[in-house]
Amino acid sequence: MIPNHDLILLSLLHASFISCVLLLVTFVVLICLLLAFCIMLLLIAFLDIYDALLFFSWYVADVKSNIELAFVVTLFSFMRFFVHMSLASKPIWEGITVKVRVKMQQLRGQPELH
């Protein structure tokens, strides 16, 4: 029989327990490092996408202001055209309203008032 057989088995059990605990601690540390790496990678990707979209939103705002300016310039040019057209057609509308007024007075049977 081996002397101190039970002490040798006890020390072997103790060493395997300590190595198991150290292995679990190492595994947990590696998992935490992996999670931190993934979180930082996603955060960096999110910030890059945010910066890219921010640049794109500046571009969209610039294009939007240019379109608005073009709309206003076009509106002013058409307004000048419409003002000239309405001033030119004013005698026509006055003639039409005079004719309608005469017709209404004739239908009512009242004498014409000028």
C-alpha atoms as a PDB file:
ATOM      1  CA  MET A   1       0.000   0.000   0.000  1.00  0.00           C
ATOM      2  CA  ILE A   2       1.088   3.527  -0.717  1.00  0.00           C
ATOM      3  CA  PRO A   3       1.757   5.517   2.410  1.00  0.00           C
ATOM      4  CA  ASN A   4      -0.390   8.673   2.799  1.00  0.00           C
ATOM      5  CA  HIS A   5      -2.592   7.611  -0.049  1.00  0.00           C
ATOM      6  CA  ASP A   6      -5.505   9.653   1.202  1.00  0.00           C
ATOM      7  CA  LEU A   7      -3.390  12.804   1.467  1.00  0.00           C
ATOM      8  CA  ILE A   8      -2.216  12.431  -2.117  1.00  0.00           C
ATOM      9  CA  LEU A   9      -5.811  12.033  -3.336  1.00  0.00           C
ATOM     10  CA  LEU A  10      -6.898  15.011  -1.254  1.00  0.00           C
ATOM     11  CA  SER A  11      -4.129  17.205  -2.706  1.00  0.00           C
ATOM     12  CA  LEU A  12      -5.032  16.037  -6.231  1.00  0.00           C
ATOM     13  CA  LEU A  13      -8.691  16.901  -5.613  1.00  0.00           C
ATOM     14  CA  HIS A  14      -7.710  20.269  -4.181  1.00  0.00           C
ATOM     15  CA  ALA A  15      -5.481  21.065  -7.177  1.00  0.00           C
ATOM     16  CA  SER A  16      -8.169  20.066  -9.664  1.00  0.00           C
ATOM     17  CA  PHE A  17     -10.683  22.257  -7.836  1.00  0.00           C
ATOM     18  CA  ILE A  18      -8.306  25.245  -7.921  1.00  0.00           C
ATOM     19  CA  SER A  19      -7.520  24.697 -11.612  1.00  0.00           C
ATOM     20  CA  CYS A  20     -11.257  24.448 -12.377  1.00  0.00           C
ATOM     21  CA  VAL A  21     -11.917  27.718 -10.545  1.00  0.00           C
ATOM     22  CA  LEU A  22      -9.041  29.412 -12.377  1.00  0.00           C
ATOM     23  CA  LEU A  23     -10.297  28.052 -15.685  1.00  0.00           C
ATOM     24  CA  LEU A  24     -13.816  29.405 -14.983  1.00  0.00           C
ATOM     25  CA  VAL A  25     -12.431  32.809 -13.967  1.00  0.00           C
ATOM     26  CA  THR A  26     -10.343  32.911 -17.153  1.00  0.00           C
ATOM     27  CA  PHE A  27     -13.374  31.914 -19.217  1.00  0.00           C
ATOM     28  CA  VAL A  28     -15.541  34.633 -17.598  1.00  0.00           C
ATOM     29  CA  VAL A  29     -12.815  37.251 -18.168  1.00  0.00           C
ATOM     30  CA  LEU A  30     -12.502  36.241 -21.817  1.00  0.00           C
ATOM     31  CA  ILE A  31     -16.287  36.387 -22.278  1.00  0.00           C
ATOM     32  CA  CYS A  32     -16.366  39.872 -20.685  1.00  0.00           C
ATOM     33  CA  LEU A  33     -13.558  41.035 -22.970  1.00  0.00           C
ATOM     34  CA  LEU A  34     -15.379  39.624 -25.990  1.00  0.00           C
ATOM     35  CA  LEU A  35     -18.616  41.371 -24.996  1.00  0.00           C
ATOM     36  CA  ALA A  36     -16.775  44.640 -24.402  1.00  0.00           C
ATOM     37  CA  PHE A  37     -15.106  44.318 -27.801  1.00  0.00           C
ATOM     38  CA  CYS A  38     -18.455  43.663 -29.516  1.00  0.00           C
ATOM     39  CA  ILE A  39     -20.138  46.555 -27.726  1.00  0.00           C
ATOM     40  CA  MET A  40     -17.316  48.936 -28.630  1.00  0.00           C
ATOM     41  CA  LEU A  41     -17.343  47.710 -32.234  1.00  0.00           C
ATOM     42  CA  LEU A  42     -21.086  48.315 -32.500  1.00  0.00           C
ATOM     43  CA  LEU A  43     -20.719  51.717 -30.839  1.00  0.00           C
ATOM     44  CA  ILE A  44     -17.978  52.759 -33.252  1.00  0.00           C
ATOM     45  CA  ALA A  45     -20.063  51.541 -36.203  1.00  0.00           C
ATOM     46  CA  PHE A  46     -23.099  53.436 -34.883  1.00  0.00           C
ATOM     47  CA  LEU A  47     -21.084  56.640 -34.475  1.00  0.00           C
ATOM     48  CA  ASP A  48     -19.664  56.305 -37.983  1.00  0.00           C
ATOM     49  CA  ILE A  49     -23.121  55.743 -39.436  1.00  0.00           C
ATOM     50  CA  TYR A  50     -24.430  58.702 -37.412  1.00  0.00           C
ATOM     51  CA  ASP A  51     -21.657  60.949 -38.758  1.00  0.00           C
ATOM     52  CA  ALA A  52     -22.332  59.766 -42.300  1.00  0.00           C
ATOM     53  CA  LEU A  53     -26.065  60.397 -41.927  1.00  0.00           C
ATOM     54  CA  LEU A  54     -25.347  63.773 -40.351  1.00  0.00           C
ATOM     55  CA  PHE A  55     -23.302  64.714 -43.413  1.00  0.00           C
ATOM     56  CA  PHE A  56     -26.101  63.389 -45.615  1.00  0.00           C
ATOM     57  CA  SER A  57     -28.683  65.404 -43.652  1.00  0.00           C
ATOM     58  CA  TRP A  58     -26.614  68.547 -44.202  1.00  0.00           C
ATOM     59  CA  TYR A  59     -26.606  67.740 -47.899  1.00  0.00           C
ATOM     60  CA  VAL A  60     -30.387  67.153 -47.857  1.00  0.00           C
ATOM     61  CA  ALA A  61     -30.941  70.456 -46.008  1.00  0.00           C
ATOM     62  CA  ASP A  62     -28.784  72.244 -48.594  1.00  0.00           C
ATOM     63  CA  VAL A  63     -30.718  70.678 -51.474  1.00  0.00           C
ATOM     64  CA  LYS A  64     -34.008  71.482 -49.739  1.00  0.00           C
ATOM     65  CA  SER A  65     -33.072  75.161 -49.362  1.00  0.00           C
ATOM     66  CA  ASN A  66     -31.987  75.284 -53.019  1.00  0.00           C
ATOM     67  CA  ILE A  67     -35.311  73.796 -54.136  1.00  0.00           C
ATOM     68  CA  GLU A  68     -37.196  76.266 -51.960  1.00  0.00           C
ATOM     69  CA  LEU A  69     -35.228  79.164 -53.455  1.00  0.00           C
ATOM     70  CA  ALA A  70     -35.947  77.909 -56.983  1.00  0.00           C
ATOM     71  CA  PHE A  71     -39.655  77.649 -56.127  1.00  0.00           C
ATOM     72  CA  VAL A  72     -39.730  81.235 -54.806  1.00  0.00           C
ATOM     73  CA  VAL A  73     -37.873  82.617 -57.847  1.00  0.00           C
ATOM     74  CA  THR A  74     -40.233  80.751 -60.188  1.00  0.00           C
ATOM     75  CA  LEU A  75     -43.237  82.010 -58.229  1.00  0.00           C
ATOM     76  CA  PHE A  76     -42.048  85.606 -58.495  1.00  0.00           C
ATOM     77  CA  SER A  77     -41.453  85.293 -62.221  1.00  0.00           C
ATOM     78  CA  PHE A  78     -44.933  83.819 -62.711  1.00  0.00           C
ATOM     79  CA  MET A  79     -46.454  86.506 -60.494  1.00  0.00           C
ATOM     80  CA  ARG A  80     -45.026  89.204 -62.772  1.00  0.00           C
ATOM     81  CA  PHE A  81     -46.536  87.372 -65.748  1.00  0.00           C
ATOM     82  CA  PHE A  82     -49.921  87.001 -64.004  1.00  0.00           C
ATOM     83  CA  VAL A  83     -49.991  90.677 -62.980  1.00  0.00           C
ATOM     84  CA  HIS A  84     -49.353  91.767 -66.573  1.00  0.00           C
ATOM     85  CA  MET A  85     -51.979  89.324 -67.799  1.00  0.00           C
ATOM     86  CA  SER A  86     -54.589  90.523 -65.293  1.00  0.00           C
ATOM     87  CA  LEU A  87     -53.913  94.165 -66.122  1.00  0.00           C
ATOM     88  CA  ALA A  88     -54.275  93.400 -69.820  1.00  0.00           C
ATOM     89  CA  SER A  89     -57.531  91.482 -69.318  1.00  0.00           C
ATOM     90  CA  LYS A  90     -59.101  94.076 -66.995  1.00  0.00           C
ATOM     91  CA  PRO A  91     -61.096  95.855 -69.767  1.00  0.00           C
ATOM     92  CA  ILE A  92     -62.439  92.496 -70.934  1.00  0.00           C
ATOM     93  CA  TRP A  93     -63.723  91.666 -67.440  1.00  0.00           C
ATOM     94  CA  GLU A  94     -65.187  95.141 -67.029  1.00  0.00           C
ATOM     95  CA  GLY A  95     -67.033  94.718 -70.331  1.00  0.00           C
ATOM     96  CA  ILE A  96     -68.377  91.349 -69.194  1.00  0.00           C
ATOM     97  CA  THR A  97     -69.549  92.740 -65.841  1.00  0.00           C
ATOM     98  CA  VAL A  98     -71.258  95.701 -67.563  1.00  0.00           C
ATOM     99  CA  LYS A  99     -73.080  93.305 -69.893  1.00  0.00           C
ATOM    100  CA  VAL A 100     -74.159  91.132 -66.940  1.00  0.00           C
ATOM    101  CA  ARG A 101     -75.362  94.212 -65.026  1.00  0.00           C
ATOM    102  CA  VAL A 102     -77.413  95.389 -68.027  1.00  0.00           C
ATOM    103  CA  LYS A 103     -78.932  91.917 -68.423  1.00  0.00           C
ATOM    104  CA  MET A 104     -79.880  91.794 -64.721  1.00  0.00           C
ATOM    105  CA  GLN A 105     -81.474  95.228 -64.884  1.00  0.00           C
ATOM    106  CA  GLN A 106     -83.402  94.241 -68.002  1.00  0.00           C
ATOM    107  CA  LEU A 107     -84.638  91.103 -66.284  1.00  0.00           C
ATOM    108  CA  ARG A 108     -85.782  93.073 -63.274  1.00  0.00           C
ATOM    109  CA  GLY A 109     -87.419  95.672 -65.473  1.00  0.00           C
ATOM    110  CA  GLN A 110     -85.570  98.572 -63.950  1.00  0.00           C
ATOM    111  CA  PRO A 111     -84.220 101.451 -66.003  1.00  0.00           C
ATOM    112  CA  GLU A 112     -80.506 101.609 -66.640  1.00  0.00           C
ATOM    113  CA  LEU A 113     -78.461 103.752 -64.307  1.00  0.00           C
ATOM    114  CA  HIS A 114     -75.065 104.943 -65.477  1.00  0.00           C
END
